[in-house]
C-alpha atoms as a PDB file:
ATOM      1  CA  UNK A   1     107.880  84.636  99.749  1.00  0.00           C
ATOM      2  CA  UNK A   2     104.345  82.873  99.051  1.00  0.00           C
ATOM      3  CA  UNK A   3     102.089  84.738  97.021  1.00  0.00           C
ATOM      4  CA  UNK A   4      99.841  85.744  99.906  1.00  0.00           C
ATOM      5  CA  UNK A   5     103.043  87.326 101.525  1.00  0.00           C
ATOM      6  CA  UNK A   6     103.700  89.045  98.379  1.00  0.00           C
ATOM      7  CA  UNK A   7     100.078  90.653  97.937  1.00  0.00           C
ATOM      8  CA  UNK A   8     100.113  91.173 101.587  1.00  0.00           C
ATOM      9  CA  UNK A   9     103.547  93.392 101.342  1.00  0.00           C
ATOM     10  CA  UNK A  10     102.121  95.654  98.063  1.00  0.00           C
ATOM     11  CA  UNK A  11      98.787  96.335  99.903  1.00  0.00           C
ATOM     12  CA  UNK A  12     100.307  97.001 103.086  1.00  0.00           C
ATOM     13  CA  UNK A  13     103.174  99.228 101.741  1.00  0.00           C
ATOM     14  CA  UNK A  14     100.348 101.209  99.673  1.00  0.00           C
ATOM     15  CA  UNK A  15      97.446 101.253 102.036  1.00  0.00           C
ATOM     16  CA  UNK A  16      98.792 104.125 104.137  1.00  0.00           C
ATOM     17  CA  UNK A  17      95.155 105.304 104.390  1.00  0.00           C
ATOM     18  CA  UNK A  18      94.237 102.138 106.403  1.00  0.00           C
ATOM     19  CA  UNK A  19      94.679 101.951 110.085  1.00  0.00           C
ATOM     20  CA  UNK A  20      95.870  98.188 109.573  1.00  0.00           C
ATOM     21  CA  UNK A  21      96.197  95.177 107.013  1.00  0.00           C
ATOM     22  CA  UNK A  22      95.836  91.978 108.360  1.00  0.00           C
ATOM     23  CA  UNK A  23      96.493  88.840 106.753  1.00  0.00           C
ATOM     24  CA  UNK A  24      94.758  85.230 106.447  1.00  0.00           C
ATOM     25  CA  UNK A  25      92.349  86.142 109.287  1.00  0.00           C
ATOM     26  CA  UNK A  26      90.416  89.135 110.994  1.00  0.00           C
ATOM     27  CA  UNK A  27      89.838  88.207 114.665  1.00  0.00           C
ATOM     28  CA  UNK A  28      86.950  89.560 116.081  1.00  0.00           C
ATOM     29  CA  UNK A  29      89.013  91.874 118.380  1.00  0.00           C
ATOM     30  CA  UNK A  30      90.402  93.579 115.814  1.00  0.00           C
ATOM     31  CA  UNK A  31      87.241  95.076 114.170  1.00  0.00           C
ATOM     32  CA  UNK A  32      86.314  98.716 115.198  1.00  0.00           C
ATOM     33  CA  UNK A  33      83.557 100.508 113.191  1.00  0.00           C
ATOM     34  CA  UNK A  34      85.631 103.460 113.262  1.00  0.00           C
ATOM     35  CA  UNK A  35      88.646 102.333 111.443  1.00  0.00           C
ATOM     36  CA  UNK A  36      89.867 101.409 108.067  1.00  0.00           C
ATOM     37  CA  UNK A  37      91.072  98.119 107.638  1.00  0.00           C
ATOM     38  CA  UNK A  38      92.302  95.607 105.186  1.00  0.00           C
ATOM     39  CA  UNK A  39      92.302  91.536 105.072  1.00  0.00           C
ATOM     40  CA  UNK A  40      94.417  90.162 102.557  1.00  0.00           C
ATOM     41  CA  UNK A  41      93.506  86.300 102.373  1.00  0.00           C
ATOM     42  CA  UNK A  42      93.824  83.131  99.874  1.00  0.00           C
ATOM     43  CA  UNK A  43      91.246  82.234  97.905  1.00  0.00           C
ATOM     44  CA  UNK A  44      92.115  79.552  95.215  1.00  0.00           C
ATOM     45  CA  UNK A  45      95.170  78.043  93.490  1.00  0.00           C
ATOM     46  CA  UNK A  46      94.488  76.500  89.898  1.00  0.00           C
ATOM     47  CA  UNK A  47      96.909  74.084  88.107  1.00  0.00           C
ATOM     48  CA  UNK A  48      97.549  74.996  84.209  1.00  0.00           C
ATOM     49  CA  UNK A  49      99.775  74.581  81.406  1.00  0.00           C
ATOM     50  CA  UNK A  50     100.078  70.646  81.256  1.00  0.00           C
ATOM     51  CA  UNK A  51     102.611  69.108  79.666  1.00  0.00           C
ATOM     52  CA  UNK A  52     104.705  65.541  80.119  1.00  0.00           C
ATOM     53  CA  UNK A  53     102.101  64.362  82.777  1.00  0.00           C
ATOM     54  CA  UNK A  54     102.905  67.096  84.746  1.00  0.00           C
ATOM     55  CA  UNK A  55     101.348  71.026  85.299  1.00  0.00           C
ATOM     56  CA  UNK A  56     103.729  73.817  84.603  1.00  0.00           C
ATOM     57  CA  UNK A  57     101.890  77.033  86.183  1.00  0.00           C
ATOM     58  CA  UNK A  58      99.878  77.792  89.265  1.00  0.00           C
ATOM     59  CA  UNK A  59      97.632  80.720  89.042  1.00  0.00           C
ATOM     60  CA  UNK A  60      96.922  82.037  92.704  1.00  0.00           C
ATOM     61  CA  UNK A  61      93.999  83.897  93.465  1.00  0.00           C
ATOM     62  CA  UNK A  62      93.818  86.353  96.607  1.00  0.00           C
ATOM     63  CA  UNK A  63      90.998  87.985  98.026  1.00  0.00           C
ATOM     64  CA  UNK A  64      91.450  91.618  99.348  1.00  0.00           C
ATOM     65  CA  UNK A  65      88.771  93.008 101.818  1.00  0.00           C
ATOM     66  CA  UNK A  66      88.363  96.537 102.558  1.00  0.00           C
ATOM     67  CA  UNK A  67      86.453  97.770 105.502  1.00  0.00           C
ATOM     68  CA  UNK A  68      85.929 101.731 105.407  1.00  0.00           C
ATOM     69  CA  UNK A  69      85.749 103.255 109.120  1.00  0.00           C
ATOM     70  CA  UNK A  70      82.147 104.590 109.499  1.00  0.00           C
ATOM     71  CA  UNK A  71      83.444 107.999 109.795  1.00  0.00           C
ATOM     72  CA  UNK A  72      85.726 107.587 106.767  1.00  0.00           C
ATOM     73  CA  UNK A  73      86.125 110.559 104.240  1.00  0.00           C
ATOM     74  CA  UNK A  74      88.083 108.647 102.054  1.00  0.00           C
ATOM     75  CA  UNK A  75      87.200 108.777  97.960  1.00  0.00           C
ATOM     76  CA  UNK A  76      86.488 104.620  98.016  1.00  0.00           C
ATOM     77  CA  UNK A  77      86.791 105.021  94.014  1.00  0.00           C
ATOM     78  CA  UNK A  78      90.358 106.350  94.025  1.00  0.00           C
ATOM     79  CA  UNK A  79      91.588 104.741  97.065  1.00  0.00           C
ATOM     80  CA  UNK A  80      90.540 101.139  95.220  1.00  0.00           C
ATOM     81  CA  UNK A  81      91.619 102.154  91.575  1.00  0.00           C
ATOM     82  CA  UNK A  82      95.395 103.385  93.010  1.00  0.00           C
ATOM     83  CA  UNK A  83      95.786  99.894  94.783  1.00  0.00           C
ATOM     84  CA  UNK A  84      94.767  97.769  91.900  1.00  0.00           C
ATOM     85  CA  UNK A  85      96.877  99.898  89.750  1.00  0.00           C
ATOM     86  CA  UNK A  86      99.853  98.899  92.245  1.00  0.00           C
ATOM     87  CA  UNK A  87      99.143  95.459  92.272  1.00  0.00           C
ATOM     88  CA  UNK A  88      98.932  95.346  88.680  1.00  0.00           C
ATOM     89  CA  UNK A  89     102.053  97.222  88.275  1.00  0.00           C
ATOM     90  CA  UNK A  90     103.370  94.020  90.460  1.00  0.00           C
ATOM     91  CA  UNK A  91     101.970  91.575  87.954  1.00  0.00           C
ATOM     92  CA  UNK A  92      98.744  90.873  89.682  1.00  0.00           C
ATOM     93  CA  UNK A  93      95.649  91.165  87.424  1.00  0.00           C
ATOM     94  CA  UNK A  94      92.148  92.126  89.083  1.00  0.00           C
ATOM     95  CA  UNK A  95      89.624  89.422  88.467  1.00  0.00           C
ATOM     96  CA  UNK A  96      86.897  90.888  89.675  1.00  0.00           C
ATOM     97  CA  UNK A  97      85.047  93.123  92.129  1.00  0.00           C
ATOM     98  CA  UNK A  98      82.222  92.340  94.038  1.00  0.00           C
ATOM     99  CA  UNK A  99      80.877  95.926  94.731  1.00  0.00           C
ATOM    100  CA  UNK A 100      80.559  97.778  98.275  1.00  0.00           C
ATOM    101  CA  UNK A 101      78.226  97.009 100.709  1.00  0.00           C
ATOM    102  CA  UNK A 102      77.293  97.281 104.484  1.00  0.00           C
ATOM    103  CA  UNK A 103      78.689  95.128 106.864  1.00  0.00           C
ATOM    104  CA  UNK A 104      75.545  94.144 108.540  1.00  0.00           C
ATOM    105  CA  UNK A 105      77.180  93.964 112.097  1.00  0.00           C
ATOM    106  CA  UNK A 106      79.370  97.104 112.047  1.00  0.00           C
ATOM    107  CA  UNK A 107      77.631  99.280 109.280  1.00  0.00           C
ATOM    108  CA  UNK A 108      80.694  99.763 107.679  1.00  0.00           C
ATOM    109  CA  UNK A 109      80.981  99.835 103.661  1.00  0.00           C
ATOM    110  CA  UNK A 110      83.407  97.160 102.605  1.00  0.00           C
ATOM    111  CA  UNK A 111      84.851  95.922  99.220  1.00  0.00           C
ATOM    112  CA  UNK A 112      85.957  93.050  98.153  1.00  0.00           C
ATOM    113  CA  UNK A 113      88.721  92.370  95.228  1.00  0.00           C
ATOM    114  CA  UNK A 114      89.755  89.434  93.914  1.00  0.00           C
ATOM    115  CA  UNK A 115      93.583  89.515  92.413  1.00  0.00           C
ATOM    116  CA  UNK A 116      95.655  86.778  90.509  1.00  0.00           C
ATOM    117  CA  UNK A 117      98.795  86.287  89.540  1.00  0.00           C
ATOM    118  CA  UNK A 118     100.535  82.781  87.686  1.00  0.00           C
ATOM    119  CA  UNK A 119     103.825  81.457  88.546  1.00  0.00           C
ATOM    120  CA  UNK A 120     106.141  79.383  86.080  1.00  0.00           C
ATOM    121  CA  UNK A 121     106.947  75.864  87.901  1.00  0.00           C
ATOM    122  CA  UNK A 122     110.094  74.281  86.712  1.00  0.00           C
END
């Protein structure tokens, strides 16, 4: 399983408050201001722990974007904290949180969270 699939599965299993969870891309047809949805996509991979002329670890960064319905009554802080805690319990580390801003096209509040996980390579 890819690291993206791992993060996607965790989010899907724990985002019952979302109308949909998407992986990799969000098609314009799927954007609906009256729905809450999540996009999980690759962000960055970094090689590390070099020795014997090769790398021994890869750190995978994944970007999680949450678009809240314009009619949402969710407690955004609660939703985001619970999701980050579930990811942490699965070995992912929260690296940064951008802060909620309104999408200029849909007027939905959206949050971007970056998480990372390191995998040892044999």
